[in-house]
Amino acid sequence: MHGLSVLSILAIAGILASEPGPPPVTDIDVFFDLITWDAHQAEEAEREILAGWEDAHAVMLLELYRVARWAPMRQRILALLERATGESFGADIERWWLWVWETDPGTHPDYAEFKGTLYGSIDPSFRDYFDDTPPATIRLDEIRWGGVARDGIPPLDLPMLIPAARARYLDDDNVVFGVVTAGKARAYPKRILGWHEMVKDTIVGEHFTGVYCTLCGTMIFYRSTVGGTRHELGTSGFLYRSNKLMYDHATRSLWSTLTGGPVVGPLAGEPTHLEPLPIVTTTWGEWRRRHPATRVLSLDTGYDRDYGEGVAYREYFGTEDLMFSVPEADDRLRNKDEVLALRLPGVEETLAISVEYLSDHPVHHDSLGPVSFVLFTDPSGASRAFETVGERFRRWDGEGTAWDEQDDRWSLSETMLTGPDQRVLRRLPAHRAFWFGWYAQYPDTRLVH
């Protein structure tokens, strides 16, 4: 470093660290010199970076731009980017990120250390994710800071649940995420989870983690225990392709919301994946009618939030614009059109079915790899998938009865389809997602629309 320490420079830039960390290696010191108010020092840094320029440096400049709070520093970074790359995207930062992903310029050998030092000066716990160039199954340059500290969006940990009759704050048309396991029904209102993005619940002695990614429109309900190990999860503060990344308390590995598996850190690459349970997105009135004994989140969360319907992320949900760009997009549907997303363990293929299509096709037969299934969609828009094992269904009443091609009656519940001979067809996990978010994670997905 030339004169000032890394932490001093970050403090000058408006990024005050609450505790000191290990000094960065010399090779990356020069990048931090760009955000000092010492014009001579910054000019020296620019010359040094230009002299040894590699396109892999661009992502480090973009990371600096993300946290620099004063216009002169940002202007300096943009001017250097344009001069070094020959591109002229100006202050269109999302276009710069797309350029990085499109050109795939490689990775600076100390990029993980740089990232940990930079974001560790915002929240010291962020260093945990990037220490010692961690194993990763995703590109580190696609991991974007979401603008909050670790658990800065506070999970609801064993929250208060109340009987349906006491949930007078809910109107019938309010959106809820419904789950039934071990004979117990739960409803998690979207208006509450929009402020918390994670709920950790215990049902009949078993621990579950429901994770709601507001940016990609996905609520998935996972068993927290894999192979006898219970994973205590939280909100990392980072995103991958606009998808919320979780972290586990024990190893500080980063986990994908959509796959339910670790992607960065000590657990990355291990065959550890959370099991998703079937879940429906429906209305409170419909869920309560089907499950009058359901329990639902109380407004008494311990946090002061405006839990009105549609308040959280109102502007984001009201536009097709993204907060964070993704490497690939597909215009067969609009960005935030909802799809029902399906993936199964051991099956490489993934599937997305337009929610609008399903509303027009309340009985839909399909397959995923070797698994055939039927989807029943009720008038509230809730879709439930059941493995068919050779059975085909021609209609259902939108309630609890379906008829197969032989006109035999089957009873539908949240966990199974039961035939007249007591034959049982199992429920398959499926959940909604915004099209752009699902496609960004699974660009080879098959789409029905």
Protein backbone atom coordinates (compact mmCIF):
# COMPACT_ATOMS: atom_id res chain seq x y z
CA MET A 1 0.00 0.00 0.00
CA HIS A 2 1.05 3.60 -0.54
CA GLY A 3 0.54 5.56 2.70
CA LEU A 4 -2.95 4.45 3.79
CA SER A 5 -4.11 1.00 4.87
CA VAL A 6 -6.88 -0.81 3.01
CA LEU A 7 -9.27 -0.31 5.92
CA SER A 8 -8.44 3.40 6.10
CA ILE A 9 -9.20 3.83 2.41
CA LEU A 10 -12.47 1.94 2.75
CA ALA A 11 -13.41 4.16 5.69
CA ILE A 12 -12.67 7.26 3.57
CA ALA A 13 -14.94 5.82 0.87
CA GLY A 14 -17.74 5.56 3.41
CA ILE A 15 -17.31 1.85 4.12
CA LEU A 16 -16.43 1.72 7.81
CA ALA A 17 -15.27 -1.65 9.09
CA SER A 18 -16.34 -2.60 12.57
CA GLU A 19 -13.23 -4.72 13.09
CA PRO A 20 -9.87 -5.05 11.32
CA GLY A 21 -9.15 -7.99 9.10
CA PRO A 22 -6.04 -9.58 7.66
CA PRO A 23 -4.15 -7.35 5.22
CA PRO A 24 -4.71 -8.15 1.54
CA VAL A 25 -1.89 -9.49 -0.56
CA THR A 26 0.20 -6.89 -2.37
CA ASP A 27 -1.08 -7.83 -5.79
CA ILE A 28 -4.58 -6.51 -5.03
CA ASP A 29 -3.58 -3.46 -2.95
CA VAL A 30 -3.47 -1.24 -5.99
CA PHE A 31 -7.19 -1.68 -6.68
CA PHE A 32 -8.09 -0.27 -3.28
CA ASP A 33 -5.87 2.75 -4.00
CA LEU A 34 -8.51 3.81 -6.55
CA ILE A 35 -10.89 4.79 -3.76
CA THR A 36 -8.60 7.13 -1.85
CA TRP A 37 -9.06 10.89 -1.87
CA ASP A 38 -5.32 11.27 -2.53
CA ALA A 39 -5.43 12.16 -6.22
CA HIS A 40 -1.72 11.43 -6.75
CA GLN A 41 -2.06 7.99 -5.19
CA ALA A 42 -5.16 7.21 -7.24
CA GLU A 43 -3.43 8.32 -10.46
CA GLU A 44 -0.49 6.04 -9.68
CA ALA A 45 -2.93 3.17 -9.16
CA GLU A 46 -4.61 3.87 -12.50
CA ARG A 47 -1.27 3.82 -14.33
CA GLU A 48 -0.23 0.59 -12.64
CA ILE A 49 -3.54 -1.14 -13.41
CA LEU A 50 -3.44 0.00 -17.05
CA ALA A 51 0.15 -1.12 -17.47
CA GLY A 52 -0.67 -4.64 -16.33
CA TRP A 53 -4.26 -4.69 -17.56
CA GLU A 54 -6.10 -7.96 -18.00
CA ASP A 55 -9.83 -8.09 -18.64
CA ALA A 56 -10.16 -10.17 -15.47
CA HIS A 57 -9.52 -6.90 -13.61
CA ALA A 58 -12.83 -5.46 -14.82
CA VAL A 59 -14.96 -7.35 -12.31
CA MET A 60 -12.82 -6.04 -9.45
CA LEU A 61 -13.46 -2.47 -10.61
CA LEU A 62 -17.19 -3.21 -10.75
CA GLU A 63 -17.09 -4.55 -7.20
CA LEU A 64 -15.35 -1.34 -6.08
CA TYR A 65 -17.95 0.76 -7.89
CA ARG A 66 -20.71 -1.09 -6.03
CA VAL A 67 -19.49 0.10 -2.63
CA ALA A 68 -17.88 3.49 -3.42
CA ARG A 69 -20.30 6.14 -2.21
CA TRP A 70 -18.87 9.35 -3.68
CA ALA A 71 -19.25 10.44 -7.28
CA PRO A 72 -15.55 11.26 -7.96
CA MET A 73 -14.52 7.72 -7.05
CA ARG A 74 -17.21 6.21 -9.22
CA GLN A 75 -16.31 8.46 -12.14
CA ARG A 76 -12.66 7.47 -11.79
CA ILE A 77 -13.56 3.77 -11.89
CA LEU A 78 -15.81 4.15 -14.94
CA ALA A 79 -13.21 6.15 -16.84
CA LEU A 80 -10.62 3.48 -16.13
CA LEU A 81 -12.99 0.72 -17.26
CA GLU A 82 -13.70 2.47 -20.56
CA ARG A 83 -10.06 3.28 -21.23
CA ALA A 84 -8.86 -0.25 -20.42
CA THR A 85 -11.56 -2.23 -22.23
CA GLY A 86 -12.40 0.08 -25.14
CA GLU A 87 -16.08 -0.31 -24.25
CA SER A 88 -18.35 2.69 -23.65
CA PHE A 89 -21.17 1.60 -21.37
CA GLY A 90 -20.79 4.64 -19.12
CA ALA A 91 -22.72 4.35 -15.86
CA ASP A 92 -24.82 1.40 -17.11
CA ILE A 93 -23.34 -0.95 -14.52
CA GLU A 94 -25.62 -3.86 -15.33
CA ARG A 95 -24.41 -3.67 -18.94
CA TRP A 96 -20.81 -3.83 -17.67
CA TRP A 97 -21.67 -6.96 -15.71
CA LEU A 98 -23.18 -8.53 -18.83
CA TRP A 99 -20.00 -7.72 -20.73
CA VAL A 100 -17.96 -9.55 -18.08
CA TRP A 101 -20.16 -12.63 -18.27
CA GLU A 102 -20.34 -12.58 -22.06
CA THR A 103 -16.58 -12.25 -22.58
CA ASP A 104 -15.67 -14.56 -19.65
CA PRO A 105 -12.29 -12.87 -19.10
CA GLY A 106 -11.08 -15.28 -16.44
CA THR A 107 -10.45 -14.68 -12.75
CA HIS A 108 -7.72 -12.78 -10.98
CA PRO A 109 -5.86 -15.31 -8.78
CA ASP A 110 -6.59 -13.22 -5.69
CA TYR A 111 -10.17 -12.35 -6.59
CA ALA A 112 -11.69 -14.30 -3.68
CA GLU A 113 -9.36 -12.51 -1.24
CA PHE A 114 -10.23 -9.17 -2.83
CA LYS A 115 -13.95 -9.89 -2.54
CA GLY A 116 -13.65 -11.00 1.07
CA THR A 117 -11.60 -7.93 2.04
CA LEU A 118 -13.91 -5.50 0.26
CA TYR A 119 -17.22 -6.83 1.56
CA GLY A 120 -15.72 -7.82 4.90
CA SER A 121 -15.24 -4.11 5.50
CA ILE A 122 -19.02 -3.74 5.30
CA ASP A 123 -19.84 -6.80 7.40
CA PRO A 124 -16.88 -8.72 8.88
CA SER A 125 -18.87 -11.97 8.66
CA PHE A 126 -18.75 -11.72 4.84
CA ARG A 127 -15.10 -12.74 4.97
CA ASP A 128 -16.25 -16.23 5.95
CA TYR A 129 -17.62 -16.88 2.47
CA PHE A 130 -14.47 -16.05 0.52
CA ASP A 131 -11.54 -17.02 2.77
CA ASP A 132 -8.74 -19.14 1.27
CA THR A 133 -10.18 -19.23 -2.27
CA PRO A 134 -13.08 -21.51 -1.30
CA PRO A 135 -14.26 -24.47 -3.39
CA ALA A 136 -17.10 -23.37 -5.64
CA THR A 137 -19.46 -24.88 -8.18
CA ILE A 138 -20.52 -21.46 -9.50
CA ARG A 139 -18.56 -18.45 -10.75
CA LEU A 140 -17.56 -16.12 -7.95
CA ASP A 141 -18.00 -13.11 -10.23
CA GLU A 142 -21.70 -13.96 -10.50
CA ILE A 143 -22.12 -13.62 -6.74
CA ARG A 144 -23.48 -10.12 -6.18
CA TRP A 145 -23.89 -8.29 -2.91
CA GLY A 146 -27.58 -7.62 -2.24
CA GLY A 147 -26.99 -4.46 -0.22
CA VAL A 148 -27.70 -5.88 3.25
CA ALA A 149 -25.63 -7.46 6.03
CA ARG A 150 -25.73 -11.15 6.86
CA ASP A 151 -29.27 -11.83 8.11
CA GLY A 152 -29.96 -8.13 7.53
CA ILE A 153 -33.28 -9.40 6.17
CA PRO A 154 -34.14 -11.23 9.41
CA PRO A 155 -35.40 -14.81 9.15
CA LEU A 156 -38.41 -15.79 11.24
CA ASP A 157 -37.02 -18.43 13.60
CA LEU A 158 -39.76 -20.55 15.20
CA PRO A 159 -42.30 -17.73 14.81
CA MET A 160 -45.66 -17.50 16.52
CA LEU A 161 -48.40 -19.41 14.71
CA ILE A 162 -52.11 -18.90 15.34
CA PRO A 163 -55.31 -20.78 14.42
CA ALA A 164 -57.12 -19.68 11.27
CA ALA A 165 -59.97 -18.15 13.27
CA ARG A 166 -57.57 -15.70 14.93
CA ALA A 167 -55.94 -14.56 11.66
CA ARG A 168 -58.35 -11.67 11.23
CA TYR A 169 -55.63 -9.58 9.58
CA LEU A 170 -55.86 -11.75 6.44
CA ASP A 171 -58.40 -11.15 3.68
CA ASP A 172 -59.61 -14.05 1.57
CA ASP A 173 -57.71 -12.87 -1.52
CA ASN A 174 -54.35 -12.52 0.27
CA VAL A 175 -51.61 -14.78 -1.11
CA VAL A 176 -50.31 -17.56 1.12
CA PHE A 177 -47.86 -20.42 0.68
CA GLY A 178 -49.48 -23.62 1.91
CA VAL A 179 -47.80 -26.79 3.18
CA VAL A 180 -49.09 -30.01 4.75
CA THR A 181 -46.74 -32.47 6.42
CA ALA A 182 -47.33 -35.12 9.08
CA GLY A 183 -51.03 -34.25 8.88
CA LYS A 184 -50.40 -30.63 9.93
CA ALA A 185 -51.27 -27.68 7.70
CA ARG A 186 -49.29 -24.44 7.67
CA ALA A 187 -49.93 -21.16 5.87
CA TYR A 188 -47.15 -18.60 5.40
CA PRO A 189 -48.54 -15.31 4.04
CA LYS A 190 -46.55 -13.67 1.28
CA ARG A 191 -47.17 -10.26 2.88
CA ILE A 192 -45.09 -11.35 5.90
CA LEU A 193 -42.41 -13.38 4.15
CA GLY A 194 -41.75 -10.49 1.77
CA TRP A 195 -40.04 -8.77 4.73
CA HIS A 196 -38.20 -11.85 6.05
CA GLU A 197 -37.55 -14.20 3.12
CA MET A 198 -37.04 -17.18 5.42
CA VAL A 199 -39.12 -19.00 8.00
CA LYS A 200 -37.75 -21.77 10.22
CA ASP A 201 -40.47 -23.96 11.68
CA THR A 202 -40.80 -27.22 13.62
CA ILE A 203 -43.70 -29.52 12.74
CA VAL A 204 -44.28 -32.66 14.80
CA GLY A 205 -40.68 -32.55 16.01
CA GLU A 206 -39.09 -32.10 12.58
CA HIS A 207 -37.32 -28.89 11.54
CA PHE A 208 -38.03 -27.18 8.22
CA THR A 209 -36.69 -24.14 6.38
CA GLY A 210 -38.97 -22.20 4.08
CA VAL A 211 -37.02 -19.82 1.88
CA TYR A 212 -38.72 -17.10 -0.14
CA CYS A 213 -36.66 -15.32 -2.79
CA THR A 214 -38.52 -12.09 -3.47
CA LEU A 215 -36.37 -11.23 -6.50
CA CYS A 216 -37.03 -14.51 -8.33
CA GLY A 217 -40.54 -15.07 -6.96
CA THR A 218 -39.85 -18.47 -5.43
CA MET A 219 -40.98 -20.05 -2.15
CA ILE A 220 -39.52 -23.49 -1.42
CA PHE A 221 -40.07 -25.48 1.78
CA TYR A 222 -37.14 -27.72 2.68
CA ARG A 223 -36.45 -30.36 5.29
CA SER A 224 -33.51 -28.95 7.26
CA THR A 225 -31.92 -32.34 7.97
CA VAL A 226 -29.84 -34.26 5.43
CA GLY A 227 -28.25 -37.61 6.30
CA GLY A 228 -28.78 -37.04 10.00
CA THR A 229 -27.22 -33.55 9.98
CA ARG A 230 -29.49 -30.60 10.64
CA HIS A 231 -28.44 -27.50 8.72
CA GLU A 232 -29.23 -24.22 10.44
CA LEU A 233 -29.57 -21.76 7.58
CA GLY A 234 -29.66 -18.00 7.28
CA THR A 235 -29.65 -15.19 4.72
CA SER A 236 -26.13 -14.61 3.39
CA GLY A 237 -26.61 -11.09 2.02
CA PHE A 238 -25.50 -12.23 -1.47
CA LEU A 239 -27.23 -13.30 -4.66
CA TYR A 240 -26.44 -15.59 -7.56
CA ARG A 241 -28.18 -14.75 -10.83
CA SER A 242 -30.69 -12.66 -8.87
CA ASN A 243 -31.38 -15.68 -6.68
CA LYS A 244 -31.04 -15.55 -2.90
CA LEU A 245 -28.03 -17.37 -1.46
CA MET A 246 -28.39 -18.92 1.97
CA TYR A 247 -25.54 -19.85 4.31
CA ASP A 248 -25.22 -22.53 6.97
CA HIS A 249 -24.17 -21.59 10.49
CA ALA A 250 -21.72 -24.47 10.91
CA THR A 251 -19.43 -24.16 7.87
CA ARG A 252 -20.42 -20.75 6.43
CA SER A 253 -20.93 -22.39 3.04
CA LEU A 254 -23.22 -20.56 0.61
CA TRP A 255 -26.32 -22.50 -0.53
CA SER A 256 -28.54 -22.02 -3.57
CA THR A 257 -32.20 -21.37 -2.85
CA LEU A 258 -33.33 -23.06 -6.07
CA THR A 259 -31.21 -26.21 -5.84
CA GLY A 260 -31.15 -26.56 -2.07
CA GLY A 261 -27.45 -27.41 -2.21
CA PRO A 262 -24.15 -25.76 -1.19
CA VAL A 263 -22.35 -23.94 -3.99
CA VAL A 264 -19.42 -22.12 -2.33
CA GLY A 265 -17.38 -23.09 0.71
CA PRO A 266 -16.41 -26.27 2.57
CA LEU A 267 -19.57 -28.14 1.54
CA ALA A 268 -19.50 -27.13 -2.15
CA GLY A 269 -19.48 -30.14 -4.44
CA GLU A 270 -20.60 -32.57 -1.75
CA PRO A 271 -23.78 -34.63 -2.37
CA THR A 272 -25.71 -32.63 0.22
CA HIS A 273 -29.07 -31.40 -0.95
CA LEU A 274 -32.10 -30.37 1.07
CA GLU A 275 -35.31 -32.22 0.25
CA PRO A 276 -38.11 -29.93 -0.96
CA LEU A 277 -41.69 -30.59 0.14
CA PRO A 278 -44.76 -29.97 -2.03
CA ILE A 279 -46.04 -26.42 -1.62
CA VAL A 280 -48.85 -24.41 -3.19
CA THR A 281 -49.28 -20.71 -3.86
CA THR A 282 -52.93 -19.98 -3.26
CA THR A 283 -55.31 -17.56 -1.53
CA TRP A 284 -55.97 -17.46 2.18
CA GLY A 285 -59.69 -18.01 1.63
CA GLU A 286 -59.11 -21.14 -0.44
CA TRP A 287 -56.45 -22.56 1.88
CA ARG A 288 -58.53 -21.95 4.99
CA ARG A 289 -61.58 -23.57 3.37
CA ARG A 290 -59.60 -26.69 2.48
CA HIS A 291 -57.72 -26.77 5.79
CA PRO A 292 -59.82 -25.18 8.54
CA ALA A 293 -57.39 -26.51 11.19
CA THR A 294 -54.41 -24.81 9.55
CA ARG A 295 -52.08 -22.66 11.58
CA VAL A 296 -50.79 -19.42 10.10
CA LEU A 297 -48.12 -16.86 10.90
CA SER A 298 -49.07 -14.23 13.44
CA LEU A 299 -48.39 -10.55 12.83
CA ASP A 300 -46.57 -10.63 16.16
CA THR A 301 -43.18 -11.38 14.60
CA GLY A 302 -41.04 -9.31 16.94
CA TYR A 303 -40.25 -6.87 14.12
CA ASP A 304 -41.75 -3.51 13.21
CA ARG A 305 -42.83 -3.84 9.59
CA ASP A 306 -45.77 -2.78 7.44
CA TYR A 307 -47.21 -6.21 6.73
CA GLY A 308 -49.99 -4.93 4.47
CA GLU A 309 -50.81 -7.01 1.41
CA GLY A 310 -48.58 -6.02 -1.50
CA VAL A 311 -46.48 -3.54 0.48
CA ALA A 312 -43.13 -5.35 0.43
CA TYR A 313 -41.38 -4.97 -2.95
CA ARG A 314 -44.41 -3.22 -4.44
CA GLU A 315 -42.38 -1.30 -7.03
CA TYR A 316 -40.28 -4.32 -7.99
CA PHE A 317 -43.32 -6.55 -8.51
CA GLY A 318 -45.01 -3.80 -10.52
CA THR A 319 -42.42 -3.72 -13.31
CA GLU A 320 -40.54 -6.11 -15.57
CA ASP A 321 -37.23 -4.47 -14.60
CA LEU A 322 -34.66 -6.44 -12.61
CA MET A 323 -32.64 -5.19 -9.66
CA PHE A 324 -29.71 -7.37 -10.68
CA SER A 325 -29.01 -8.50 -14.23
CA VAL A 326 -28.57 -12.16 -15.16
CA PRO A 327 -26.22 -13.64 -17.78
CA GLU A 328 -28.99 -15.04 -19.97
CA ALA A 329 -32.61 -14.14 -20.63
CA ASP A 330 -35.38 -15.67 -22.74
CA ASP A 331 -38.21 -13.64 -24.25
CA ARG A 332 -40.72 -16.45 -24.73
CA LEU A 333 -42.29 -15.09 -21.54
CA ARG A 334 -41.91 -11.76 -19.78
CA ASN A 335 -39.32 -11.57 -17.03
CA LYS A 336 -41.75 -11.84 -14.15
CA ASP A 337 -44.38 -14.05 -15.70
CA GLU A 338 -44.92 -16.87 -13.22
CA VAL A 339 -44.15 -20.47 -14.06
CA LEU A 340 -44.64 -23.67 -12.12
CA ALA A 341 -41.13 -25.07 -11.80
CA LEU A 342 -40.35 -28.77 -11.45
CA ARG A 343 -37.10 -30.64 -10.83
CA LEU A 344 -36.59 -34.09 -9.36
CA PRO A 345 -33.61 -35.77 -7.64
CA GLY A 346 -31.50 -37.74 -10.09
CA VAL A 347 -33.29 -36.27 -13.12
CA GLU A 348 -31.21 -33.92 -15.24
CA GLU A 349 -34.16 -32.37 -17.08
CA THR A 350 -36.04 -29.44 -15.57
CA LEU A 351 -39.45 -28.11 -16.53
CA ALA A 352 -41.28 -24.80 -16.38
CA ILE A 353 -45.00 -24.49 -17.15
CA SER A 354 -46.64 -21.10 -17.52
CA VAL A 355 -49.11 -20.42 -14.70
CA GLU A 356 -51.37 -18.78 -17.27
CA TYR A 357 -51.29 -21.97 -19.36
CA LEU A 358 -52.20 -24.07 -16.32
CA SER A 359 -55.16 -21.84 -15.50
CA ASP A 360 -56.53 -22.71 -18.95
CA HIS A 361 -55.61 -26.40 -18.59
CA PRO A 362 -56.70 -27.52 -15.12
CA VAL A 363 -55.68 -31.10 -15.94
CA HIS A 364 -52.27 -31.35 -17.56
CA HIS A 365 -50.26 -34.53 -18.17
CA ASP A 366 -46.50 -34.32 -18.62
CA SER A 367 -43.24 -36.04 -17.70
CA LEU A 368 -39.86 -35.19 -16.27
CA GLY A 369 -37.20 -37.66 -17.31
CA PRO A 370 -38.68 -41.12 -16.59
CA VAL A 371 -41.34 -39.73 -14.21
CA SER A 372 -44.84 -39.17 -15.60
CA PHE A 373 -47.19 -36.92 -13.67
CA VAL A 374 -50.47 -35.05 -13.76
CA LEU A 375 -51.02 -31.47 -12.65
CA PHE A 376 -54.35 -30.37 -11.19
CA THR A 377 -54.91 -26.60 -11.00
CA ASP A 378 -57.80 -25.26 -8.92
CA PRO A 379 -59.70 -21.98 -9.44
CA SER A 380 -57.35 -20.13 -7.03
CA GLY A 381 -54.44 -20.97 -9.34
CA ALA A 382 -52.90 -23.53 -6.97
CA SER A 383 -51.30 -26.41 -8.86
CA ARG A 384 -50.57 -29.85 -7.42
CA ALA A 385 -48.45 -32.48 -9.19
CA PHE A 386 -48.88 -36.24 -8.71
CA GLU A 387 -46.84 -39.08 -10.17
CA THR A 388 -49.15 -41.09 -12.43
CA VAL A 389 -47.38 -44.46 -12.97
CA GLY A 390 -49.44 -45.17 -16.10
CA GLU A 391 -52.71 -43.59 -14.99
CA ARG A 392 -54.31 -40.85 -17.06
CA PHE A 393 -56.96 -38.44 -15.88
CA ARG A 394 -59.56 -36.73 -17.98
CA ARG A 395 -61.16 -34.27 -15.52
CA TRP A 396 -61.43 -33.09 -11.94
CA ASP A 397 -63.91 -31.00 -10.02
CA GLY A 398 -61.44 -28.37 -8.80
CA GLU A 399 -61.99 -29.60 -5.26
CA GLY A 400 -60.99 -33.08 -4.17
CA THR A 401 -62.17 -35.53 -6.83
CA ALA A 402 -60.63 -36.55 -10.17
CA TRP A 403 -61.75 -39.08 -12.76
CA ASP A 404 -59.39 -41.25 -14.77
CA GLU A 405 -59.92 -42.44 -18.35
CA GLN A 406 -61.89 -45.44 -17.07
CA ASP A 407 -64.15 -42.98 -15.20
CA ASP A 408 -62.96 -44.25 -11.83
CA ARG A 409 -63.02 -41.68 -9.03
CA TRP A 410 -59.85 -40.64 -7.22
CA SER A 411 -59.60 -38.57 -4.04
CA LEU A 412 -57.10 -35.73 -3.98
CA SER A 413 -55.34 -34.54 -0.85
CA GLU A 414 -52.27 -32.37 -0.26
CA THR A 415 -50.03 -35.44 -0.10
CA MET A 416 -51.53 -38.06 -2.43
CA LEU A 417 -54.12 -39.22 -4.93
CA THR A 418 -56.07 -42.26 -3.73
CA GLY A 419 -57.90 -44.53 -6.17
CA PRO A 420 -61.01 -46.70 -5.70
CA ASP A 421 -58.82 -49.74 -5.03
CA GLN A 422 -56.84 -47.71 -2.46
CA ARG A 423 -53.99 -47.33 -4.92
CA VAL A 424 -51.92 -44.30 -3.97
CA LEU A 425 -50.11 -41.85 -6.24
CA ARG A 426 -47.55 -39.63 -4.48
CA ARG A 427 -47.42 -35.85 -4.59
CA LEU A 428 -44.37 -34.35 -6.28
CA PRO A 429 -42.64 -31.12 -5.23
CA ALA A 430 -43.25 -28.09 -7.43
CA HIS A 431 -43.18 -24.37 -6.81
CA ARG A 432 -43.72 -21.10 -8.59
CA ALA A 433 -40.95 -18.86 -9.90
CA PHE A 434 -40.52 -15.83 -12.07
CA TRP A 435 -39.55 -16.97 -15.55
CA PHE A 436 -36.33 -14.96 -15.69
CA GLY A 437 -35.09 -16.40 -12.37
CA TRP A 438 -35.79 -20.02 -13.25
CA TYR A 439 -34.31 -19.65 -16.73
CA ALA A 440 -31.18 -17.94 -15.35
CA GLN A 441 -30.54 -20.97 -13.15
CA TYR A 442 -31.65 -23.58 -15.70
CA PRO A 443 -31.18 -22.20 -19.25
CA ASP A 444 -31.77 -25.68 -20.71
CA THR A 445 -35.16 -25.99 -19.04
CA ARG A 446 -38.12 -27.13 -21.10
CA LEU A 447 -40.96 -24.62 -21.22
CA VAL A 448 -44.67 -25.27 -21.70
CA HIS A 449 -46.66 -22.11 -22.38
